[in-house]
Amino acid sequence: MTATDVSGLTQLGAATGLPDSPETALLEKVPAGHAGTLYVVRFTAPEFTSICPMTGQPDFAHIVIDYVPKDWLVESKSLKLYLHSFRNHGAFHEDCTLDIAKRLVGLLDPVWLRIGAYWYPRGGIPIDVFWQTGAAPGGVWIPDQGVAPYRGRG
């Protein structure tokens, strides 16, 4: 069994306040214990919240992040705090989604990453935002994200 080196982490196991903004949030990483093995890590944030930059009203999304690690894993508490830091952050759906994805890519340099952000309707129109770093690597089981398209009462 491979032990994960957590010696450099500052948030795990410590009382940690909510970051003021996504820019000030500290995302931390740990060495991947199975570097060289292709597998998928999935994070699901079904209650993601940000603020509309135009109206100041809350926006809600169900976000699914899948990635194939290379040398690093994102530390999950730091990811949770980072995602929560958007609660008072004004940005469009597309910007929130791509900022999350690109920040993770910059931190981890994964083999592959994709994000699906399924935003709940505002003004009667749901907005879904999808992005990935490129073609998924062969030989890796990558399940469907499992979020149905928005149908309302139809």
N, C-alpha and C. Protein backbone atom coordinates (compact mmCIF):
# COMPACT_ATOMS: atom_id res chain seq x y z
N MET A 1 0.84 -1.18 0.00
CA MET A 1 0.00 0.00 0.00
C MET A 1 0.88 1.24 0.00
N THR A 2 0.53 2.20 -0.82
CA THR A 2 1.29 3.43 -0.95
C THR A 2 0.73 4.47 0.00
N ALA A 3 1.60 5.06 0.82
CA ALA A 3 1.18 6.14 1.72
C ALA A 3 1.33 7.47 0.99
N THR A 4 0.35 8.35 1.16
CA THR A 4 0.39 9.67 0.52
C THR A 4 1.11 10.64 1.44
N ASP A 5 2.07 11.34 0.90
CA ASP A 5 2.82 12.34 1.66
C ASP A 5 1.97 13.59 1.82
N VAL A 6 1.54 13.87 3.04
CA VAL A 6 0.73 15.05 3.32
C VAL A 6 1.50 16.08 4.15
N SER A 7 2.81 15.93 4.22
CA SER A 7 3.61 16.78 5.11
C SER A 7 3.58 18.26 4.75
N GLY A 8 3.37 18.61 3.49
CA GLY A 8 3.39 20.01 3.10
C GLY A 8 2.04 20.70 3.13
N LEU A 9 0.99 19.98 3.51
CA LEU A 9 -0.35 20.56 3.49
C LEU A 9 -0.57 21.51 4.66
N THR A 10 -1.31 22.58 4.42
CA THR A 10 -1.54 23.56 5.48
C THR A 10 -2.98 23.60 5.96
N GLN A 11 -3.92 23.00 5.19
CA GLN A 11 -5.33 23.10 5.54
C GLN A 11 -5.91 21.81 6.09
N LEU A 12 -5.43 20.67 5.62
CA LEU A 12 -5.96 19.38 6.03
C LEU A 12 -5.68 19.16 7.51
N GLY A 13 -6.71 18.83 8.27
CA GLY A 13 -6.56 18.57 9.70
C GLY A 13 -6.47 19.82 10.54
N ALA A 14 -6.71 20.98 9.94
CA ALA A 14 -6.64 22.25 10.67
C ALA A 14 -7.92 23.03 10.45
N ALA A 15 -8.28 23.83 11.44
CA ALA A 15 -9.43 24.73 11.26
C ALA A 15 -9.05 25.75 10.20
N THR A 16 -9.88 25.84 9.18
CA THR A 16 -9.58 26.70 8.05
C THR A 16 -10.81 27.52 7.69
N GLY A 17 -10.65 28.82 7.62
CA GLY A 17 -11.75 29.69 7.25
C GLY A 17 -11.99 29.70 5.76
N LEU A 18 -13.15 30.19 5.38
CA LEU A 18 -13.51 30.30 3.98
C LEU A 18 -12.69 31.41 3.32
N PRO A 19 -12.05 31.13 2.19
CA PRO A 19 -11.28 32.17 1.50
C PRO A 19 -12.18 33.32 1.06
N ASP A 20 -11.62 34.51 0.97
CA ASP A 20 -12.38 35.69 0.57
C ASP A 20 -12.79 35.65 -0.90
N SER A 21 -12.00 35.00 -1.73
CA SER A 21 -12.27 34.98 -3.17
C SER A 21 -11.55 33.78 -3.79
N PRO A 22 -11.94 33.39 -5.00
CA PRO A 22 -11.21 32.31 -5.67
C PRO A 22 -9.73 32.65 -5.88
N GLU A 23 -9.44 33.94 -6.09
CA GLU A 23 -8.04 34.33 -6.32
C GLU A 23 -7.17 34.12 -5.08
N THR A 24 -7.76 34.28 -3.89
CA THR A 24 -6.97 34.12 -2.66
C THR A 24 -7.05 32.71 -2.09
N ALA A 25 -7.92 31.88 -2.64
CA ALA A 25 -8.06 30.50 -2.14
C ALA A 25 -6.80 29.71 -2.44
N LEU A 26 -6.39 28.91 -1.49
CA LEU A 26 -5.19 28.09 -1.62
C LEU A 26 -5.59 26.68 -2.04
N LEU A 27 -5.24 26.31 -3.25
CA LEU A 27 -5.43 24.94 -3.71
C LEU A 27 -4.15 24.18 -3.45
N GLU A 28 -4.27 23.02 -2.82
CA GLU A 28 -3.08 22.23 -2.49
C GLU A 28 -3.12 20.90 -3.23
N LYS A 29 -1.94 20.33 -3.41
CA LYS A 29 -1.83 19.05 -4.11
C LYS A 29 -0.97 18.10 -3.29
N VAL A 30 -1.19 16.82 -3.56
CA VAL A 30 -0.39 15.77 -2.92
C VAL A 30 0.13 14.85 -4.02
N PRO A 31 1.25 14.18 -3.77
CA PRO A 31 1.77 13.27 -4.79
C PRO A 31 0.77 12.14 -5.07
N ALA A 32 0.64 11.80 -6.34
CA ALA A 32 -0.21 10.67 -6.73
C ALA A 32 0.53 9.38 -6.36
N GLY A 33 -0.09 8.59 -5.51
CA GLY A 33 0.53 7.36 -5.07
C GLY A 33 0.66 6.30 -6.15
N HIS A 34 -0.09 6.45 -7.22
CA HIS A 34 -0.06 5.48 -8.31
C HIS A 34 0.30 6.17 -9.62
N ALA A 35 1.28 7.05 -9.57
CA ALA A 35 1.74 7.74 -10.78
C ALA A 35 2.09 6.69 -11.83
N GLY A 36 1.71 6.95 -13.07
CA GLY A 36 1.97 6.01 -14.15
C GLY A 36 0.80 5.08 -14.42
N THR A 37 -0.18 5.04 -13.51
CA THR A 37 -1.39 4.25 -13.71
C THR A 37 -2.49 5.19 -14.16
N LEU A 38 -3.19 4.82 -15.24
CA LEU A 38 -4.26 5.66 -15.74
C LEU A 38 -5.56 5.31 -15.03
N TYR A 39 -6.14 6.28 -14.34
CA TYR A 39 -7.42 6.13 -13.65
C TYR A 39 -8.07 7.51 -13.55
N VAL A 40 -9.37 7.52 -13.31
CA VAL A 40 -10.12 8.77 -13.26
C VAL A 40 -10.47 9.11 -11.81
N VAL A 41 -10.30 10.37 -11.46
CA VAL A 41 -10.75 10.91 -10.19
C VAL A 41 -11.92 11.84 -10.51
N ARG A 42 -13.02 11.69 -9.78
CA ARG A 42 -14.20 12.53 -10.01
C ARG A 42 -14.55 13.28 -8.74
N PHE A 43 -14.81 14.57 -8.91
CA PHE A 43 -15.36 15.41 -7.84
C PHE A 43 -16.70 15.93 -8.33
N THR A 44 -17.71 15.86 -7.48
CA THR A 44 -19.03 16.36 -7.80
C THR A 44 -19.42 17.40 -6.76
N ALA A 45 -19.79 18.57 -7.26
CA ALA A 45 -20.23 19.67 -6.39
C ALA A 45 -21.67 20.02 -6.79
N PRO A 46 -22.67 19.34 -6.19
CA PRO A 46 -24.05 19.55 -6.61
C PRO A 46 -24.68 20.84 -6.11
N GLU A 47 -23.99 21.58 -5.25
CA GLU A 47 -24.55 22.81 -4.68
C GLU A 47 -23.62 23.99 -4.87
N PHE A 48 -22.95 24.06 -6.02
CA PHE A 48 -22.03 25.16 -6.30
C PHE A 48 -22.83 26.47 -6.40
N THR A 49 -22.29 27.54 -5.84
CA THR A 49 -22.95 28.83 -5.85
C THR A 49 -21.96 29.93 -6.21
N SER A 50 -22.41 30.84 -7.06
CA SER A 50 -21.66 32.07 -7.33
C SER A 50 -22.68 33.20 -7.43
N ILE A 51 -22.20 34.38 -7.79
CA ILE A 51 -23.06 35.55 -7.87
C ILE A 51 -23.07 36.07 -9.30
N CYS A 52 -24.24 36.43 -9.80
CA CYS A 52 -24.34 37.05 -11.11
C CYS A 52 -23.64 38.42 -11.04
N PRO A 53 -22.69 38.69 -11.93
CA PRO A 53 -21.98 39.98 -11.86
C PRO A 53 -22.84 41.18 -12.25
N MET A 54 -23.97 40.92 -12.87
CA MET A 54 -24.83 42.02 -13.31
C MET A 54 -25.92 42.35 -12.29
N THR A 55 -26.54 41.31 -11.71
CA THR A 55 -27.68 41.53 -10.82
C THR A 55 -27.34 41.35 -9.35
N GLY A 56 -26.24 40.66 -9.06
CA GLY A 56 -25.91 40.35 -7.67
C GLY A 56 -26.72 39.19 -7.10
N GLN A 57 -27.54 38.57 -7.93
CA GLN A 57 -28.36 37.43 -7.49
C GLN A 57 -27.52 36.15 -7.49
N PRO A 58 -27.86 35.19 -6.65
CA PRO A 58 -27.09 33.94 -6.63
C PRO A 58 -27.37 33.09 -7.86
N ASP A 59 -26.35 32.41 -8.31
CA ASP A 59 -26.44 31.42 -9.38
C ASP A 59 -26.03 30.08 -8.79
N PHE A 60 -26.68 29.01 -9.25
CA PHE A 60 -26.43 27.68 -8.71
C PHE A 60 -26.09 26.72 -9.83
N ALA A 61 -25.18 25.80 -9.54
CA ALA A 61 -24.77 24.81 -10.55
C ALA A 61 -24.47 23.48 -9.89
N HIS A 62 -24.56 22.46 -10.69
CA HIS A 62 -24.11 21.11 -10.35
C HIS A 62 -22.85 20.91 -11.19
N ILE A 63 -21.70 20.84 -10.55
CA ILE A 63 -20.42 20.77 -11.27
C ILE A 63 -19.81 19.39 -11.07
N VAL A 64 -19.34 18.82 -12.17
CA VAL A 64 -18.65 17.53 -12.15
C VAL A 64 -17.27 17.73 -12.78
N ILE A 65 -16.24 17.37 -12.03
CA ILE A 65 -14.86 17.47 -12.50
C ILE A 65 -14.27 16.07 -12.55
N ASP A 66 -13.80 15.67 -13.72
CA ASP A 66 -13.11 14.39 -13.90
C ASP A 66 -11.69 14.68 -14.34
N TYR A 67 -10.72 13.96 -13.76
CA TYR A 67 -9.36 14.11 -14.27
C TYR A 67 -8.59 12.81 -14.12
N VAL A 68 -7.61 12.66 -15.00
CA VAL A 68 -6.68 11.53 -14.96
C VAL A 68 -5.36 12.11 -14.44
N PRO A 69 -4.96 11.73 -13.22
CA PRO A 69 -3.75 12.31 -12.64
C PRO A 69 -2.48 11.85 -13.37
N LYS A 70 -1.48 12.71 -13.29
CA LYS A 70 -0.15 12.34 -13.75
C LYS A 70 0.70 12.11 -12.50
N ASP A 71 1.18 13.19 -11.91
CA ASP A 71 2.04 13.09 -10.72
C ASP A 71 1.36 13.61 -9.46
N TRP A 72 0.23 14.32 -9.61
CA TRP A 72 -0.38 15.01 -8.47
C TRP A 72 -1.87 14.75 -8.39
N LEU A 73 -2.37 14.82 -7.15
CA LEU A 73 -3.80 14.80 -6.85
C LEU A 73 -4.14 16.12 -6.17
N VAL A 74 -5.34 16.65 -6.42
CA VAL A 74 -5.75 17.83 -5.68
C VAL A 74 -6.21 17.37 -4.30
N GLU A 75 -5.81 18.09 -3.28
CA GLU A 75 -6.24 17.77 -1.92
C GLU A 75 -7.69 18.23 -1.79
N SER A 76 -8.56 17.31 -1.38
CA SER A 76 -10.00 17.55 -1.48
C SER A 76 -10.51 18.67 -0.57
N LYS A 77 -9.95 18.85 0.61
CA LYS A 77 -10.43 19.94 1.47
C LYS A 77 -10.11 21.29 0.83
N SER A 78 -8.94 21.40 0.25
CA SER A 78 -8.58 22.67 -0.40
C SER A 78 -9.48 22.92 -1.61
N LEU A 79 -9.85 21.86 -2.33
CA LEU A 79 -10.77 22.02 -3.46
C LEU A 79 -12.14 22.47 -2.97
N LYS A 80 -12.61 21.87 -1.90
CA LYS A 80 -13.91 22.26 -1.34
C LYS A 80 -13.91 23.73 -0.94
N LEU A 81 -12.86 24.18 -0.27
CA LEU A 81 -12.78 25.58 0.14
C LEU A 81 -12.67 26.50 -1.07
N TYR A 82 -11.93 26.07 -2.07
CA TYR A 82 -11.81 26.86 -3.30
C TYR A 82 -13.18 27.02 -3.97
N LEU A 83 -13.91 25.92 -4.11
CA LEU A 83 -15.23 25.99 -4.73
C LEU A 83 -16.18 26.86 -3.92
N HIS A 84 -16.11 26.75 -2.59
CA HIS A 84 -16.97 27.59 -1.74
C HIS A 84 -16.61 29.07 -1.82
N SER A 85 -15.38 29.37 -2.21
CA SER A 85 -14.96 30.77 -2.29
C SER A 85 -15.69 31.53 -3.39
N PHE A 86 -16.37 30.82 -4.29
CA PHE A 86 -17.14 31.47 -5.34
C PHE A 86 -18.48 32.01 -4.84
N ARG A 87 -18.87 31.67 -3.62
CA ARG A 87 -20.20 32.04 -3.11
C ARG A 87 -20.48 33.53 -3.17
N ASN A 88 -19.47 34.35 -2.96
CA ASN A 88 -19.64 35.80 -3.01
C ASN A 88 -18.87 36.43 -4.16
N HIS A 89 -18.57 35.62 -5.16
CA HIS A 89 -17.77 36.04 -6.31
C HIS A 89 -18.67 36.29 -7.51
N GLY A 90 -18.60 37.46 -8.07
CA GLY A 90 -19.40 37.79 -9.24
C GLY A 90 -18.70 37.41 -10.53
N ALA A 91 -19.26 36.47 -11.25
CA ALA A 91 -18.70 36.06 -12.55
C ALA A 91 -19.77 35.33 -13.35
N PHE A 92 -19.65 35.41 -14.66
CA PHE A 92 -20.57 34.68 -15.53
C PHE A 92 -20.32 33.18 -15.41
N HIS A 93 -21.32 32.39 -15.78
CA HIS A 93 -21.23 30.93 -15.68
C HIS A 93 -20.00 30.39 -16.41
N GLU A 94 -19.79 30.90 -17.61
CA GLU A 94 -18.66 30.42 -18.42
C GLU A 94 -17.33 30.71 -17.73
N ASP A 95 -17.21 31.91 -17.15
CA ASP A 95 -15.97 32.29 -16.49
C ASP A 95 -15.71 31.44 -15.25
N CYS A 96 -16.73 31.22 -14.43
CA CYS A 96 -16.56 30.37 -13.25
C CYS A 96 -16.07 28.98 -13.66
N THR A 97 -16.74 28.41 -14.65
CA THR A 97 -16.43 27.05 -15.08
C THR A 97 -14.99 26.94 -15.58
N LEU A 98 -14.61 27.83 -16.49
CA LEU A 98 -13.26 27.74 -17.06
C LEU A 98 -12.19 28.14 -16.06
N ASP A 99 -12.49 29.08 -15.16
CA ASP A 99 -11.51 29.44 -14.14
C ASP A 99 -11.20 28.24 -13.25
N ILE A 100 -12.21 27.49 -12.86
CA ILE A 100 -12.00 26.29 -12.04
C ILE A 100 -11.14 25.29 -12.79
N ALA A 101 -11.52 24.99 -14.02
CA ALA A 101 -10.80 23.99 -14.80
C ALA A 101 -9.34 24.38 -15.03
N LYS A 102 -9.13 25.61 -15.44
CA LYS A 102 -7.76 26.04 -15.77
C LYS A 102 -6.89 26.15 -14.52
N ARG A 103 -7.49 26.51 -13.40
CA ARG A 103 -6.71 26.55 -12.15
C ARG A 103 -6.26 25.15 -11.76
N LEU A 104 -7.14 24.16 -11.91
CA LEU A 104 -6.76 22.78 -11.61
C LEU A 104 -5.70 22.26 -12.57
N VAL A 105 -5.84 22.58 -13.85
CA VAL A 105 -4.83 22.15 -14.83
C VAL A 105 -3.48 22.77 -14.49
N GLY A 106 -3.48 24.05 -14.13
CA GLY A 106 -2.23 24.71 -13.76
C GLY A 106 -1.58 24.12 -12.53
N LEU A 107 -2.38 23.70 -11.58
CA LEU A 107 -1.87 23.11 -10.34
C LEU A 107 -1.36 21.70 -10.54
N LEU A 108 -2.13 20.89 -11.28
CA LEU A 108 -1.88 19.45 -11.33
C LEU A 108 -1.14 18.96 -12.57
N ASP A 109 -1.24 19.69 -13.67
CA ASP A 109 -0.74 19.21 -14.96
C ASP A 109 -1.19 17.76 -15.18
N PRO A 110 -2.51 17.52 -15.18
CA PRO A 110 -3.00 16.15 -15.30
C PRO A 110 -2.83 15.61 -16.72
N VAL A 111 -2.96 14.30 -16.85
CA VAL A 111 -2.97 13.68 -18.17
C VAL A 111 -4.16 14.22 -18.95
N TRP A 112 -5.30 14.38 -18.26
CA TRP A 112 -6.53 14.84 -18.90
C TRP A 112 -7.46 15.37 -17.83
N LEU A 113 -8.26 16.38 -18.18
CA LEU A 113 -9.26 16.92 -17.26
C LEU A 113 -10.45 17.39 -18.08
N ARG A 114 -11.64 17.16 -17.53
CA ARG A 114 -12.85 17.73 -18.11
C ARG A 114 -13.72 18.26 -16.97
N ILE A 115 -14.53 19.26 -17.32
CA ILE A 115 -15.47 19.80 -16.36
C ILE A 115 -16.81 19.96 -17.06
N GLY A 116 -17.85 19.57 -16.36
CA GLY A 116 -19.22 19.81 -16.80
C GLY A 116 -19.90 20.65 -15.74
N ALA A 117 -20.38 21.82 -16.13
CA ALA A 117 -21.07 22.70 -15.19
C ALA A 117 -22.51 22.85 -15.68
N TYR A 118 -23.42 22.32 -14.91
CA TYR A 118 -24.84 22.28 -15.25
C TYR A 118 -25.53 23.35 -14.40
N TRP A 119 -25.70 24.53 -14.99
CA TRP A 119 -26.23 25.68 -14.27
C TRP A 119 -27.75 25.65 -14.27
N TYR A 120 -28.33 25.97 -13.14
CA TYR A 120 -29.77 26.03 -13.01
C TYR A 120 -30.30 27.28 -13.71
N PRO A 121 -31.54 27.27 -14.19
CA PRO A 121 -32.06 28.38 -14.98
C PRO A 121 -32.08 29.70 -14.23
N ARG A 122 -31.76 30.74 -14.98
CA ARG A 122 -31.95 32.13 -14.55
C ARG A 122 -32.61 32.80 -15.74
N GLY A 123 -33.72 33.45 -15.52
CA GLY A 123 -34.43 34.07 -16.62
C GLY A 123 -35.02 33.05 -17.58
N GLY A 124 -35.25 31.84 -17.07
CA GLY A 124 -35.88 30.81 -17.88
C GLY A 124 -34.95 30.01 -18.76
N ILE A 125 -33.64 30.29 -18.72
CA ILE A 125 -32.70 29.58 -19.60
C ILE A 125 -31.57 28.96 -18.77
N PRO A 126 -31.47 27.63 -18.77
CA PRO A 126 -30.30 27.02 -18.13
C PRO A 126 -29.09 27.14 -19.06
N ILE A 127 -27.93 27.28 -18.48
CA ILE A 127 -26.68 27.36 -19.25
C ILE A 127 -25.78 26.22 -18.77
N ASP A 128 -25.38 25.36 -19.68
CA ASP A 128 -24.43 24.30 -19.35
C ASP A 128 -23.11 24.62 -20.03
N VAL A 129 -22.02 24.44 -19.30
CA VAL A 129 -20.69 24.77 -19.82
C VAL A 129 -19.81 23.53 -19.69
N PHE A 130 -19.15 23.16 -20.80
CA PHE A 130 -18.31 21.97 -20.83
C PHE A 130 -16.94 22.33 -21.40
N TRP A 131 -15.88 21.73 -20.84
CA TRP A 131 -14.52 21.98 -21.34
C TRP A 131 -13.66 20.78 -20.96
N GLN A 132 -12.71 20.47 -21.82
CA GLN A 132 -11.73 19.44 -21.49
C GLN A 132 -10.41 19.81 -22.13
N THR A 133 -9.35 19.21 -21.62
CA THR A 133 -8.01 19.55 -22.08
C THR A 133 -7.68 18.97 -23.44
N GLY A 134 -8.40 17.99 -23.90
CA GLY A 134 -8.15 17.34 -25.19
C GLY A 134 -8.85 16.00 -25.19
N ALA A 135 -8.43 15.14 -26.10
CA ALA A 135 -9.04 13.82 -26.18
C ALA A 135 -8.72 13.02 -24.92
N ALA A 136 -9.70 12.26 -24.48
CA ALA A 136 -9.49 11.41 -23.30
C ALA A 136 -8.47 10.33 -23.64
N PRO A 137 -7.63 9.96 -22.68
CA PRO A 137 -6.65 8.92 -22.96
C PRO A 137 -7.32 7.57 -23.19
N GLY A 138 -6.76 6.78 -24.08
CA GLY A 138 -7.31 5.46 -24.36
C GLY A 138 -7.12 4.52 -23.18
N GLY A 139 -8.03 3.56 -23.09
CA GLY A 139 -7.90 2.53 -22.06
C GLY A 139 -8.35 2.93 -20.67
N VAL A 140 -8.94 4.12 -20.53
CA VAL A 140 -9.40 4.59 -19.23
C VAL A 140 -10.93 4.60 -19.24
N TRP A 141 -11.51 4.03 -18.19
CA TRP A 141 -12.97 4.06 -18.07
C TRP A 141 -13.37 5.43 -17.57
N ILE A 142 -14.10 6.16 -18.40
CA ILE A 142 -14.57 7.50 -18.04
C ILE A 142 -16.09 7.46 -18.12
N PRO A 143 -16.75 7.31 -16.98
CA PRO A 143 -18.21 7.22 -17.00
C PRO A 143 -18.86 8.54 -17.40
N ASP A 144 -20.09 8.42 -17.88
CA ASP A 144 -20.91 9.59 -18.16
C ASP A 144 -21.04 10.40 -16.87
N GLN A 145 -21.16 11.69 -16.99
CA GLN A 145 -21.25 12.53 -15.80
C GLN A 145 -22.57 12.37 -15.06
N GLY A 146 -23.56 11.76 -15.68
CA GLY A 146 -24.77 11.40 -14.98
C GLY A 146 -25.73 12.52 -14.66
N VAL A 147 -25.55 13.67 -15.29
CA VAL A 147 -26.45 14.79 -15.04
C VAL A 147 -27.37 14.92 -16.26
N ALA A 148 -28.65 14.78 -16.03
CA ALA A 148 -29.61 14.85 -17.13
C ALA A 148 -29.73 16.28 -17.63
N PRO A 149 -30.00 16.46 -18.93
CA PRO A 149 -30.27 17.81 -19.43
C PRO A 149 -31.49 18.39 -18.72
N TYR A 150 -31.49 19.70 -18.57
CA TYR A 150 -32.59 20.34 -17.86
C TYR A 150 -33.88 20.22 -18.69
N ARG A 151 -34.95 19.76 -18.04
CA ARG A 151 -36.23 19.63 -18.73
C ARG A 151 -37.35 20.40 -18.05
N GLY A 152 -37.09 20.98 -16.92
CA GLY A 152 -38.14 21.71 -16.22
C GLY A 152 -39.32 20.81 -15.94
N ARG A 153 -40.51 21.28 -16.24
CA ARG A 153 -41.70 20.49 -15.98
C ARG A 153 -42.19 19.76 -17.22
N GLY A 154 -41.38 19.78 -18.29
CA GLY A 154 -41.78 19.21 -19.58
C GLY A 154 -41.74 17.74 -19.69
